[in-house]
């Protein structure tokens, strides 16, 4: 995948301040990845990108370092910047990490859940089911994200947000994966089980669903293979 497919957006990359510029570059590159314009295995040429964006290499390097830390790219001194492929073993590892993190997160905030949170989780799950019924998986993405992000918000931990958010993005957004209706409906069922457990004050059941079903690689493997590796 040649880097020439990157389209310059010069007018949009002239914000005030180096941090804002770095974030603009980062958001642009993530957007190109999510849309499938920059695909796994592609090489990114720093000199050409600097020329296209009409910016110095410093914000580009900073954005790329962030992408490397999040697992989206690898920076190799002799080969350049390579967009990483997501292999089956990578997904297995990421599922195990998220299962442990999300279970620990729910456990730590369990006493913070109130009726309003349960109502919101139920509402988000209804929105997900409606989107699936309409075949609109773009509409499905936001309530799906919001359901899981509620746990981050209740923790109030910026560190948790920085750790778990890029992992979820890696699994859900890049590369934009195929959708499997049965799998998405299973996710809704599991969301409802988690919600019911929280509503009933059953901590162990909520953690069991997260670890044994929702983020269990073996339980989800056949769908993972179909969604992420259609040619296999």
Protein backbone atom coordinates (compact mmCIF):
# COMPACT_ATOMS: atom_id res chain seq x y z
CA UNK A 1 0.00 0.00 0.00
CA UNK A 2 1.92 3.10 -1.18
CA UNK A 3 1.93 6.20 0.95
CA UNK A 4 0.94 8.23 -2.12
CA UNK A 5 -2.67 7.42 -1.32
CA UNK A 6 -2.53 9.85 1.60
CA UNK A 7 -4.47 12.96 0.65
CA UNK A 8 -3.12 16.25 2.01
CA UNK A 9 -5.46 18.35 4.10
CA UNK A 10 -3.25 21.39 4.48
CA UNK A 11 -5.94 23.83 5.53
CA UNK A 12 -6.99 21.56 8.39
CA UNK A 13 -3.51 21.08 9.79
CA UNK A 14 -2.73 24.62 10.82
CA UNK A 15 -3.99 24.87 14.41
CA UNK A 16 -2.43 26.98 17.14
CA UNK A 17 0.23 25.33 19.28
CA UNK A 18 2.47 22.31 18.77
CA UNK A 19 0.32 20.01 20.92
CA UNK A 20 -2.77 20.82 18.89
CA UNK A 21 -0.84 20.26 15.68
CA UNK A 22 0.44 16.91 16.92
CA UNK A 23 -3.10 15.87 17.80
CA UNK A 24 -4.36 16.97 14.40
CA UNK A 25 -1.74 14.84 12.67
CA UNK A 26 -2.54 11.89 14.93
CA UNK A 27 -6.30 12.19 14.32
CA UNK A 28 -5.75 12.47 10.58
CA UNK A 29 -3.57 9.34 10.43
CA UNK A 30 -6.02 7.37 12.59
CA UNK A 31 -8.84 8.50 10.33
CA UNK A 32 -6.97 7.28 7.25
CA UNK A 33 -6.42 3.93 8.95
CA UNK A 34 -10.05 3.60 10.04
CA UNK A 35 -11.27 4.36 6.52
CA UNK A 36 -8.94 1.74 5.02
CA UNK A 37 -6.85 4.26 3.09
CA UNK A 38 -3.77 3.38 5.10
CA UNK A 39 -3.74 -0.40 5.43
CA UNK A 40 -1.63 -2.81 7.51
CA UNK A 41 1.76 -3.35 5.89
CA UNK A 42 1.88 0.14 4.37
CA UNK A 43 5.05 2.17 4.65
CA UNK A 44 4.88 5.80 5.80
CA UNK A 45 7.55 8.14 4.45
CA UNK A 46 8.27 10.87 6.99
CA UNK A 47 9.85 13.27 4.46
CA UNK A 48 6.96 12.97 2.03
CA UNK A 49 4.39 13.33 4.79
CA UNK A 50 6.11 16.46 6.08
CA UNK A 51 5.94 17.95 2.59
CA UNK A 52 2.31 16.98 2.08
CA UNK A 53 1.20 18.41 5.42
CA UNK A 54 3.46 21.45 5.09
CA UNK A 55 4.55 20.97 8.70
CA UNK A 56 7.86 20.21 10.37
CA UNK A 57 8.82 16.65 11.18
CA UNK A 58 8.56 17.22 14.93
CA UNK A 59 4.73 16.95 15.26
CA UNK A 60 4.80 14.07 12.76
CA UNK A 61 7.35 12.18 14.86
CA UNK A 62 5.36 12.87 18.03
CA UNK A 63 2.13 11.61 16.45
CA UNK A 64 3.91 8.53 15.13
CA UNK A 65 5.48 7.82 18.52
CA UNK A 66 1.99 7.87 20.03
CA UNK A 67 0.75 5.52 17.32
CA UNK A 68 3.70 3.23 18.00
CA UNK A 69 2.96 3.21 21.74
CA UNK A 70 -0.63 2.23 20.95
CA UNK A 71 0.47 -0.59 18.64
CA UNK A 72 -0.69 0.88 15.34
CA UNK A 73 2.74 1.35 13.76
CA UNK A 74 6.32 0.17 14.18
CA UNK A 75 9.19 2.61 13.74
CA UNK A 76 12.19 0.79 12.27
CA UNK A 77 15.43 2.72 11.73
CA UNK A 78 16.24 1.11 8.39
CA UNK A 79 12.79 0.19 7.10
CA UNK A 80 10.90 3.35 8.02
CA UNK A 81 7.45 3.48 9.61
CA UNK A 82 5.30 0.42 8.99
CA UNK A 83 1.60 0.12 9.78
CA UNK A 84 1.23 -3.02 11.87
CA UNK A 85 -0.82 -6.01 10.91
CA UNK A 86 -3.16 -7.49 13.49
CA UNK A 87 -2.42 -11.21 13.72
CA UNK A 88 -4.55 -13.85 15.42
CA UNK A 89 -2.12 -14.18 18.32
CA UNK A 90 -2.18 -10.40 18.76
CA UNK A 91 -5.97 -10.54 19.10
CA UNK A 92 -5.69 -13.43 21.58
CA UNK A 93 -3.30 -11.35 23.70
CA UNK A 94 -5.41 -8.19 23.48
CA UNK A 95 -8.56 -10.08 24.49
CA UNK A 96 -6.77 -11.48 27.53
CA UNK A 97 -5.52 -8.02 28.47
CA UNK A 98 -8.94 -6.36 28.10
CA UNK A 99 -10.65 -9.19 29.99
CA UNK A 100 -8.31 -8.68 32.93
CA UNK A 101 -8.48 -4.88 32.81
CA UNK A 102 -12.22 -4.57 32.36
CA UNK A 103 -12.98 -7.15 35.06
CA UNK A 104 -10.64 -5.35 37.46
CA UNK A 105 -12.22 -2.05 36.50
CA UNK A 106 -15.81 -3.23 37.09
CA UNK A 107 -14.74 -4.83 40.37
CA UNK A 108 -13.17 -1.59 41.58
CA UNK A 109 -16.17 0.60 40.70
CA UNK A 110 -18.98 -1.85 41.49
CA UNK A 111 -20.26 0.16 44.44
CA UNK A 112 -20.44 3.29 42.29
CA UNK A 113 -23.17 1.94 40.00
CA UNK A 114 -26.56 3.57 40.53
CA UNK A 115 -29.96 3.12 38.92
CA UNK A 116 -29.17 5.90 36.45
CA UNK A 117 -26.12 3.97 35.20
CA UNK A 118 -28.12 0.78 34.84
CA UNK A 119 -30.81 2.67 32.90
CA UNK A 120 -28.17 4.15 30.62
CA UNK A 121 -26.62 0.72 29.97
CA UNK A 122 -30.06 -0.69 29.12
CA UNK A 123 -30.73 2.24 26.79
CA UNK A 124 -27.39 1.79 25.01
CA UNK A 125 -28.05 -1.90 24.56
CA UNK A 126 -31.46 -1.18 23.02
CA UNK A 127 -29.77 1.24 20.61
CA UNK A 128 -27.26 -1.43 19.67
CA UNK A 129 -29.98 -4.00 18.99
CA UNK A 130 -31.96 -1.50 16.93
CA UNK A 131 -28.90 -0.67 14.84
CA UNK A 132 -28.22 -4.37 14.25
CA UNK A 133 -31.83 -4.91 13.22
CA UNK A 134 -31.47 -2.07 10.71
CA UNK A 135 -28.14 -3.41 9.44
CA UNK A 136 -26.55 -0.10 10.42
CA UNK A 137 -23.25 -0.99 12.03
CA UNK A 138 -22.04 2.59 11.98
CA UNK A 139 -24.95 3.45 14.29
CA UNK A 140 -24.07 0.37 16.33
CA UNK A 141 -20.53 1.55 17.05
CA UNK A 142 -21.30 4.57 19.26
CA UNK A 143 -23.58 2.94 21.87
CA UNK A 144 -21.24 -0.05 21.87
CA UNK A 145 -18.31 2.22 22.66
CA UNK A 146 -20.32 4.24 25.20
CA UNK A 147 -21.40 1.09 27.06
CA UNK A 148 -17.80 0.05 27.74
CA UNK A 149 -16.55 3.60 28.19
CA UNK A 150 -19.00 4.09 31.07
CA UNK A 151 -16.72 1.87 33.17
CA UNK A 152 -13.75 4.12 32.39
CA UNK A 153 -15.71 7.24 33.29
CA UNK A 154 -16.90 5.85 36.61
CA UNK A 155 -13.33 4.99 37.56
CA UNK A 156 -12.28 8.62 37.06
CA UNK A 157 -8.81 7.35 36.16
CA UNK A 158 -7.00 9.02 33.25
CA UNK A 159 -4.44 6.22 33.43
CA UNK A 160 -7.07 3.54 32.85
CA UNK A 161 -8.43 5.56 29.94
CA UNK A 162 -4.99 5.81 28.35
CA UNK A 163 -4.35 2.09 28.71
CA UNK A 164 -7.62 0.49 27.68
CA UNK A 165 -8.89 2.94 25.04
CA UNK A 166 -6.20 2.28 22.40
CA UNK A 167 -6.59 -1.48 22.89
CA UNK A 168 -10.32 -1.28 22.21
CA UNK A 169 -9.66 0.98 19.23
CA UNK A 170 -7.11 -1.48 17.90
CA UNK A 171 -9.67 -4.29 18.06
CA UNK A 172 -12.75 -2.39 16.92
CA UNK A 173 -11.58 0.33 14.53
CA UNK A 174 -8.43 -0.72 12.72
CA UNK A 175 -8.60 -2.09 10.21
CA UNK A 176 -12.33 -1.52 9.90
CA UNK A 177 -13.58 -5.05 10.42
CA UNK A 178 -16.51 -6.95 8.95
CA UNK A 179 -19.61 -7.32 11.08
CA UNK A 180 -21.28 -10.60 11.97
CA UNK A 181 -24.90 -10.20 13.06
CA UNK A 182 -24.94 -13.25 15.32
CA UNK A 183 -21.75 -12.14 17.07
CA UNK A 184 -23.03 -8.61 17.60
CA UNK A 185 -26.30 -9.95 19.02
CA UNK A 186 -24.33 -12.22 21.34
CA UNK A 187 -22.47 -9.14 22.54
CA UNK A 188 -25.82 -7.47 23.28
CA UNK A 189 -26.93 -10.54 25.25
CA UNK A 190 -23.70 -10.40 27.26
CA UNK A 191 -24.13 -6.67 27.84
CA UNK A 192 -27.59 -7.37 29.19
CA UNK A 193 -26.26 -10.10 31.49
CA UNK A 194 -23.61 -7.70 32.82
CA UNK A 195 -26.27 -5.02 33.30
CA UNK A 196 -28.61 -7.40 35.13
CA UNK A 197 -25.80 -8.58 37.39
CA UNK A 198 -24.93 -4.98 38.28
CA UNK A 199 -28.63 -4.19 38.83
CA UNK A 200 -28.93 -7.17 41.18
CA UNK A 201 -25.71 -6.34 43.01
CA UNK A 202 -24.13 -9.60 41.85
CA UNK A 203 -20.49 -8.67 41.46
CA UNK A 204 -19.21 -12.20 40.80
CA UNK A 205 -21.72 -12.78 37.99
CA UNK A 206 -20.80 -9.52 36.25
CA UNK A 207 -17.11 -10.45 36.39
CA UNK A 208 -17.84 -14.00 35.21
CA UNK A 209 -19.65 -12.79 32.07
CA UNK A 210 -16.82 -10.39 31.26
CA UNK A 211 -14.07 -12.97 31.69
CA UNK A 212 -15.72 -16.21 30.53
CA UNK A 213 -17.77 -14.88 27.63
CA UNK A 214 -17.51 -11.26 26.55
CA UNK A 215 -13.71 -11.01 26.43
CA UNK A 216 -12.86 -14.70 26.26
CA UNK A 217 -10.81 -15.39 23.15
CA UNK A 218 -11.59 -19.11 22.91
CA UNK A 219 -15.32 -18.50 23.29
CA UNK A 220 -15.25 -15.91 20.48
CA UNK A 221 -12.53 -17.41 18.29
CA UNK A 222 -14.69 -18.68 15.40
CA UNK A 223 -16.24 -15.23 14.99
CA UNK A 224 -12.86 -13.51 15.34
CA UNK A 225 -11.48 -15.65 12.52
CA UNK A 226 -14.46 -14.89 10.28
CA UNK A 227 -14.44 -11.15 10.98
CA UNK A 228 -10.73 -10.38 10.93
CA UNK A 229 -9.37 -12.99 8.52
CA UNK A 230 -11.98 -13.48 5.76
CA UNK A 231 -9.47 -14.96 3.31
CA UNK A 232 -8.15 -17.57 5.76
